[in-house]
Amino acid sequence: MNWYRQAPGKQRDLVANITSVGSTNYADSVK
């Protein structure tokens, strides 16, 4: 499962995701 975000005039970027076993990954800007 993933969370993305899109600011006005910008592309949609990945913010964070979590796998089925709970491994997580974050964009540097939100770590």
All heavy atoms as atom14 arrays in JSON, in Angstrom:
{
  "sequence": "MNWYRQAPGKQRDLVANITSVGSTNYADSVK",
  "atom14_mask": [
    [1, 1, 1, 1, 1, 1, 1, 1, 0, 0, 0, 0, 0, 0],
    [1, 1, 1, 1, 1, 1, 1, 1, 0, 0, 0, 0, 0, 0],
    [1, 1, 1, 1, 1, 1, 1, 1, 1, 1, 1, 1, 1, 1],
    [1, 1, 1, 1, 1, 1, 1, 1, 1, 1, 1, 1, 0, 0],
    [1, 1, 1, 1, 1, 1, 1, 1, 1, 1, 1, 0, 0, 0],
    [1, 1, 1, 1, 1, 1, 1, 1, 1, 0, 0, 0, 0, 0],
    [1, 1, 1, 1, 1, 0, 0, 0, 0, 0, 0, 0, 0, 0],
    [1, 1, 1, 1, 1, 1, 1, 0, 0, 0, 0, 0, 0, 0],
    [1, 1, 1, 1, 0, 0, 0, 0, 0, 0, 0, 0, 0, 0],
    [1, 1, 1, 1, 1, 1, 1, 1, 1, 0, 0, 0, 0, 0],
    [1, 1, 1, 1, 1, 1, 1, 1, 1, 0, 0, 0, 0, 0],
    [1, 1, 1, 1, 1, 1, 1, 1, 1, 1, 1, 0, 0, 0],
    [1, 1, 1, 1, 1, 1, 1, 1, 0, 0, 0, 0, 0, 0],
    [1, 1, 1, 1, 1, 1, 1, 1, 0, 0, 0, 0, 0, 0],
    [1, 1, 1, 1, 1, 1, 1, 0, 0, 0, 0, 0, 0, 0],
    [1, 1, 1, 1, 1, 0, 0, 0, 0, 0, 0, 0, 0, 0],
    [1, 1, 1, 1, 1, 1, 1, 1, 0, 0, 0, 0, 0, 0],
    [1, 1, 1, 1, 1, 1, 1, 1, 0, 0, 0, 0, 0, 0],
    [1, 1, 1, 1, 1, 1, 1, 0, 0, 0, 0, 0, 0, 0],
    [1, 1, 1, 1, 1, 1, 0, 0, 0, 0, 0, 0, 0, 0],
    [1, 1, 1, 1, 1, 1, 1, 0, 0, 0, 0, 0, 0, 0],
    [1, 1, 1, 1, 0, 0, 0, 0, 0, 0, 0, 0, 0, 0],
    [1, 1, 1, 1, 1, 1, 0, 0, 0, 0, 0, 0, 0, 0],
    [1, 1, 1, 1, 1, 1, 1, 0, 0, 0, 0, 0, 0, 0],
    [1, 1, 1, 1, 1, 1, 1, 1, 0, 0, 0, 0, 0, 0],
    [1, 1, 1, 1, 1, 1, 1, 1, 1, 1, 1, 1, 0, 0],
    [1, 1, 1, 1, 1, 0, 0, 0, 0, 0, 0, 0, 0, 0],
    [1, 1, 1, 1, 1, 1, 1, 1, 0, 0, 0, 0, 0, 0],
    [1, 1, 1, 1, 1, 1, 0, 0, 0, 0, 0, 0, 0, 0],
    [1, 1, 1, 1, 1, 1, 1, 0, 0, 0, 0, 0, 0, 0],
    [1, 1, 1, 1, 1, 1, 1, 1, 1, 0, 0, 0, 0, 0]
  ],
  "atom14_positions": [
    [[0.85, -1.2, 0.0], [0.0, 0.0, 0.0], [0.88, 1.24, 0.0], [1.89, 1.29, 0.71], [-0.91, 0.01, 1.22], [-1.86, -1.18, 1.3], [-3.01, -1.27, -0.09], [-3.9, 0.27, 0.08], [0.0, 0.0, 0.0], [0.0, 0.0, 0.0], [0.0, 0.0, 0.0], [0.0, 0.0, 0.0], [0.0, 0.0, 0.0], [0.0, 0.0, 0.0]],
    [[0.49, 2.2, -0.79], [1.28, 3.41, -0.99], [0.48, 4.67, -0.7], [-0.74, 4.68, -0.92], [1.76, 3.49, -2.45], [2.48, 2.26, -2.91], [3.41, 1.79, -2.26], [2.07, 1.71, -4.05], [0.0, 0.0, 0.0], [0.0, 0.0, 0.0], [0.0, 0.0, 0.0], [0.0, 0.0, 0.0], [0.0, 0.0, 0.0], [0.0, 0.0, 0.0]],
    [[1.17, 5.68, -0.23], [0.63, 7.04, -0.18], [1.45, 7.9, -1.14], [2.67, 7.92, -1.05], [0.71, 7.63, 1.22], [-0.33, 7.13, 2.16], [-0.15, 6.18, 3.14], [-1.69, 7.54, 2.25], [-1.33, 5.98, 3.82], [-2.29, 6.81, 3.29], [-2.47, 8.46, 1.55], [-3.63, 6.97, 3.65], [-3.79, 8.62, 1.89], [-4.37, 7.88, 2.95]],
    [[0.75, 8.6, -2.02], [1.35, 9.57, -2.91], [0.79, 10.94, -2.58], [-0.24, 11.06, -1.92], [1.0, 9.27, -4.38], [1.78, 8.16, -5.01], [1.48, 6.82, -4.74], [2.81, 8.43, -5.91], [2.19, 5.8, -5.35], [3.52, 7.41, -6.53], [3.19, 6.1, -6.24], [3.91, 5.08, -6.85], [0.0, 0.0, 0.0], [0.0, 0.0, 0.0]],
    [[1.44, 11.98, -3.08], [0.89, 13.32, -2.97], [1.21, 14.11, -4.23], [2.2, 13.85, -4.91], [1.41, 14.05, -1.74], [2.88, 14.42, -1.77], [3.3, 15.03, -0.43], [4.71, 15.39, -0.41], [5.34, 15.83, 0.69], [4.68, 15.94, 1.83], [6.61, 16.15, 0.63], [0.0, 0.0, 0.0], [0.0, 0.0, 0.0], [0.0, 0.0, 0.0]],
    [[0.33, 15.07, -4.48], [0.51, 15.93, -5.64], [0.18, 17.36, -5.26], [-0.96, 17.66, -4.9], [-0.37, 15.47, -6.8], [-0.12, 16.21, -8.09], [-0.8, 15.54, -9.27], [-1.74, 14.78, -9.13], [-0.29, 15.83, -10.47], [0.0, 0.0, 0.0], [0.0, 0.0, 0.0], [0.0, 0.0, 0.0], [0.0, 0.0, 0.0], [0.0, 0.0, 0.0]],
    [[1.19, 18.21, -5.34], [1.01, 19.64, -5.09], [0.61, 20.32, -6.4], [0.89, 19.8, -7.49], [2.29, 20.24, -4.54], [0.0, 0.0, 0.0], [0.0, 0.0, 0.0], [0.0, 0.0, 0.0], [0.0, 0.0, 0.0], [0.0, 0.0, 0.0], [0.0, 0.0, 0.0], [0.0, 0.0, 0.0], [0.0, 0.0, 0.0], [0.0, 0.0, 0.0]],
    [[-0.03, 21.48, -6.32], [-0.46, 22.18, -7.54], [0.71, 22.42, -8.48], [1.77, 22.91, -8.07], [-1.01, 23.5, -7.0], [-1.45, 23.19, -5.61], [-0.46, 22.19, -5.1], [0.0, 0.0, 0.0], [0.0, 0.0, 0.0], [0.0, 0.0, 0.0], [0.0, 0.0, 0.0], [0.0, 0.0, 0.0], [0.0, 0.0, 0.0], [0.0, 0.0, 0.0]],
    [[0.54, 22.05, -9.74], [1.56, 22.27, -10.75], [2.73, 21.32, -10.7], [3.71, 21.49, -11.45], [0.0, 0.0, 0.0], [0.0, 0.0, 0.0], [0.0, 0.0, 0.0], [0.0, 0.0, 0.0], [0.0, 0.0, 0.0], [0.0, 0.0, 0.0], [0.0, 0.0, 0.0], [0.0, 0.0, 0.0], [0.0, 0.0, 0.0], [0.0, 0.0, 0.0]],
    [[2.64, 20.3, -9.84], [3.76, 19.37, -9.7], [3.3, 17.95, -10.0], [2.11, 17.65, -10.04], [4.36, 19.46, -8.3], [4.98, 20.81, -8.0], [5.74, 20.78, -6.7], [6.45, 22.1, -6.44], [7.24, 22.08, -5.17], [0.0, 0.0, 0.0], [0.0, 0.0, 0.0], [0.0, 0.0, 0.0], [0.0, 0.0, 0.0], [0.0, 0.0, 0.0]],
    [[4.26, 17.06, -10.19], [3.92, 15.67, -10.46], [3.52, 14.97, -9.16], [3.79, 15.46, -8.07], [5.12, 14.95, -11.09], [6.32, 14.8, -10.17], [7.49, 14.11, -10.85], [7.58, 14.07, -12.07], [8.39, 13.55, -10.07], [0.0, 0.0, 0.0], [0.0, 0.0, 0.0], [0.0, 0.0, 0.0], [0.0, 0.0, 0.0], [0.0, 0.0, 0.0]],
    [[2.88, 13.83, -9.33], [2.48, 13.03, -8.19], [3.69, 12.21, -7.73], [4.29, 11.47, -8.51], [1.32, 12.11, -8.57], [0.63, 11.45, -7.41], [-0.6, 10.71, -7.87], [-1.62, 11.62, -8.39], [-2.85, 11.23, -8.74], [-3.2, 9.97, -8.6], [-3.71, 12.1, -9.21], [0.0, 0.0, 0.0], [0.0, 0.0, 0.0], [0.0, 0.0, 0.0]],
    [[4.03, 12.34, -6.47], [5.22, 11.68, -5.93], [4.88, 10.71, -4.82], [3.95, 10.94, -4.04], [6.2, 12.72, -5.36], [6.82, 13.6, -6.43], [7.09, 13.09, -7.54], [7.05, 14.79, -6.15], [0.0, 0.0, 0.0], [0.0, 0.0, 0.0], [0.0, 0.0, 0.0], [0.0, 0.0, 0.0], [0.0, 0.0, 0.0], [0.0, 0.0, 0.0]],
    [[5.67, 9.65, -4.73], [5.51, 8.68, -3.65], [5.96, 9.29, -2.33], [7.06, 9.85, -2.24], [6.32, 7.43, -3.95], [6.25, 6.32, -2.91], [4.84, 5.73, -2.83], [7.28, 5.24, -3.23], [0.0, 0.0, 0.0], [0.0, 0.0, 0.0], [0.0, 0.0, 0.0], [0.0, 0.0, 0.0], [0.0, 0.0, 0.0], [0.0, 0.0, 0.0]],
    [[5.12, 9.18, -1.33], [5.45, 9.68, 0.01], [5.96, 8.55, 0.89], [6.98, 8.68, 1.57], [4.21, 10.33, 0.66], [4.52, 10.76, 2.08], [3.73, 11.5, -0.17], [0.0, 0.0, 0.0], [0.0, 0.0, 0.0], [0.0, 0.0, 0.0], [0.0, 0.0, 0.0], [0.0, 0.0, 0.0], [0.0, 0.0, 0.0], [0.0, 0.0, 0.0]],
    [[5.23, 7.44, 0.89], [5.6, 6.31, 1.74], [4.88, 5.07, 1.24], [3.83, 5.16, 0.61], [5.21, 6.57, 3.2], [0.0, 0.0, 0.0], [0.0, 0.0, 0.0], [0.0, 0.0, 0.0], [0.0, 0.0, 0.0], [0.0, 0.0, 0.0], [0.0, 0.0, 0.0], [0.0, 0.0, 0.0], [0.0, 0.0, 0.0], [0.0, 0.0, 0.0]],
    [[5.48, 3.91, 1.52], [4.76, 2.67, 1.26], [5.07, 1.64, 2.33], [6.03, 1.76, 3.09], [5.01, 2.14, -0.15], [6.45, 1.76, -0.41], [7.22, 1.51, 0.49], [6.81, 1.7, -1.68], [0.0, 0.0, 0.0], [0.0, 0.0, 0.0], [0.0, 0.0, 0.0], [0.0, 0.0, 0.0], [0.0, 0.0, 0.0], [0.0, 0.0, 0.0]],
    [[4.2, 0.64, 2.36], [4.33, -0.43, 3.34], [3.96, -1.74, 2.65], [2.93, -1.86, 1.99], [3.46, -0.17, 4.59], [3.68, -1.23, 5.65], [1.97, -0.04, 4.24], [3.15, -0.86, 7.02], [0.0, 0.0, 0.0], [0.0, 0.0, 0.0], [0.0, 0.0, 0.0], [0.0, 0.0, 0.0], [0.0, 0.0, 0.0], [0.0, 0.0, 0.0]],
    [[4.85, -2.73, 2.8], [4.63, -4.01, 2.14], [3.72, -4.9, 2.98], [3.32, -4.55, 4.09], [5.97, -4.74, 1.92], [6.47, -5.14, 3.2], [6.98, -3.85, 1.22], [0.0, 0.0, 0.0], [0.0, 0.0, 0.0], [0.0, 0.0, 0.0], [0.0, 0.0, 0.0], [0.0, 0.0, 0.0], [0.0, 0.0, 0.0], [0.0, 0.0, 0.0]],
    [[3.43, -6.07, 2.44], [2.55, -7.0, 3.13], [3.14, -7.47, 4.45], [2.4, -7.83, 5.37], [2.27, -8.21, 2.23], [3.47, -8.88, 1.89], [0.0, 0.0, 0.0], [0.0, 0.0, 0.0], [0.0, 0.0, 0.0], [0.0, 0.0, 0.0], [0.0, 0.0, 0.0], [0.0, 0.0, 0.0], [0.0, 0.0, 0.0], [0.0, 0.0, 0.0]],
    [[4.48, -7.46, 4.55], [5.12, -7.9, 5.79], [5.51, -6.74, 6.69], [6.18, -6.93, 7.7], [6.36, -8.78, 5.5], [5.93, -10.05, 4.79], [7.39, -8.03, 4.69], [0.0, 0.0, 0.0], [0.0, 0.0, 0.0], [0.0, 0.0, 0.0], [0.0, 0.0, 0.0], [0.0, 0.0, 0.0], [0.0, 0.0, 0.0], [0.0, 0.0, 0.0]],
    [[5.09, -5.54, 6.3], [5.29, -4.39, 7.17], [6.56, -3.61, 6.94], [6.86, -2.68, 7.71], [0.0, 0.0, 0.0], [0.0, 0.0, 0.0], [0.0, 0.0, 0.0], [0.0, 0.0, 0.0], [0.0, 0.0, 0.0], [0.0, 0.0, 0.0], [0.0, 0.0, 0.0], [0.0, 0.0, 0.0], [0.0, 0.0, 0.0], [0.0, 0.0, 0.0]],
    [[7.3, -3.93, 5.9], [8.48, -3.12, 5.58], [8.04, -1.78, 5.03], [7.09, -1.71, 4.23], [9.35, -3.83, 4.55], [9.85, -5.04, 5.08], [0.0, 0.0, 0.0], [0.0, 0.0, 0.0], [0.0, 0.0, 0.0], [0.0, 0.0, 0.0], [0.0, 0.0, 0.0], [0.0, 0.0, 0.0], [0.0, 0.0, 0.0], [0.0, 0.0, 0.0]],
    [[8.71, -0.74, 5.45], [8.29, 0.61, 5.06], [9.39, 1.35, 4.3], [10.58, 1.04, 4.44], [7.9, 1.44, 6.28], [9.03, 1.51, 7.18], [6.72, 0.83, 7.0], [0.0, 0.0, 0.0], [0.0, 0.0, 0.0], [0.0, 0.0, 0.0], [0.0, 0.0, 0.0], [0.0, 0.0, 0.0], [0.0, 0.0, 0.0], [0.0, 0.0, 0.0]],
    [[8.96, 2.32, 3.54], [9.88, 3.15, 2.76], [9.31, 4.55, 2.72], [8.08, 4.71, 2.6], [10.01, 2.58, 1.35], [10.97, 3.39, 0.5], [12.12, 3.58, 0.86], [10.49, 3.88, -0.63], [0.0, 0.0, 0.0], [0.0, 0.0, 0.0], [0.0, 0.0, 0.0], [0.0, 0.0, 0.0], [0.0, 0.0, 0.0], [0.0, 0.0, 0.0]],
    [[10.19, 5.55, 2.83], [9.73, 6.94, 2.87], [10.53, 7.81, 1.91], [11.72, 7.59, 1.69], [9.9, 7.51, 4.3], [9.09, 6.82, 5.34], [9.63, 5.76, 6.08], [7.78, 7.21, 5.6], [8.87, 5.11, 7.04], [7.02, 6.57, 6.56], [7.57, 5.52, 7.28], [6.82, 4.88, 8.23], [0.0, 0.0, 0.0], [0.0, 0.0, 0.0]],
    [[9.86, 8.83, 1.41], [10.57, 9.86, 0.66], [11.48, 10.6, 1.64], [11.14, 10.77, 2.82], [9.59, 10.82, 0.03], [0.0, 0.0, 0.0], [0.0, 0.0, 0.0], [0.0, 0.0, 0.0], [0.0, 0.0, 0.0], [0.0, 0.0, 0.0], [0.0, 0.0, 0.0], [0.0, 0.0, 0.0], [0.0, 0.0, 0.0], [0.0, 0.0, 0.0]],
    [[12.62, 11.05, 1.14], [13.57, 11.75, 2.01], [12.94, 12.96, 2.68], [13.26, 13.28, 3.82], [14.79, 12.19, 1.19], [15.69, 11.03, 0.82], [15.57, 9.94, 1.42], [16.52, 11.2, -0.1], [0.0, 0.0, 0.0], [0.0, 0.0, 0.0], [0.0, 0.0, 0.0], [0.0, 0.0, 0.0], [0.0, 0.0, 0.0], [0.0, 0.0, 0.0]],
    [[12.04, 13.61, 1.99], [11.45, 14.85, 2.5], [10.55, 14.64, 3.71], [10.23, 15.6, 4.42], [10.66, 15.55, 1.39], [9.63, 14.71, 0.91], [0.0, 0.0, 0.0], [0.0, 0.0, 0.0], [0.0, 0.0, 0.0], [0.0, 0.0, 0.0], [0.0, 0.0, 0.0], [0.0, 0.0, 0.0], [0.0, 0.0, 0.0], [0.0, 0.0, 0.0]],
    [[10.13, 13.39, 3.96], [9.21, 13.14, 5.08], [9.8, 12.2, 6.13], [9.15, 11.95, 7.15], [7.87, 12.57, 4.58], [7.26, 13.48, 3.51], [8.0, 11.15, 4.08], [0.0, 0.0, 0.0], [0.0, 0.0, 0.0], [0.0, 0.0, 0.0], [0.0, 0.0, 0.0], [0.0, 0.0, 0.0], [0.0, 0.0, 0.0], [0.0, 0.0, 0.0]],
    [[11.0, 11.71, 5.89], [11.62, 10.79, 6.86], [11.74, 11.45, 8.22], [12.15, 12.6, 8.33], [13.0, 10.36, 6.37], [12.97, 9.28, 5.31], [14.37, 8.89, 4.87], [14.33, 7.82, 3.79], [15.68, 7.48, 3.29], [0.0, 0.0, 0.0], [0.0, 0.0, 0.0], [0.0, 0.0, 0.0], [0.0, 0.0, 0.0], [0.0, 0.0, 0.0]]
  ]
}
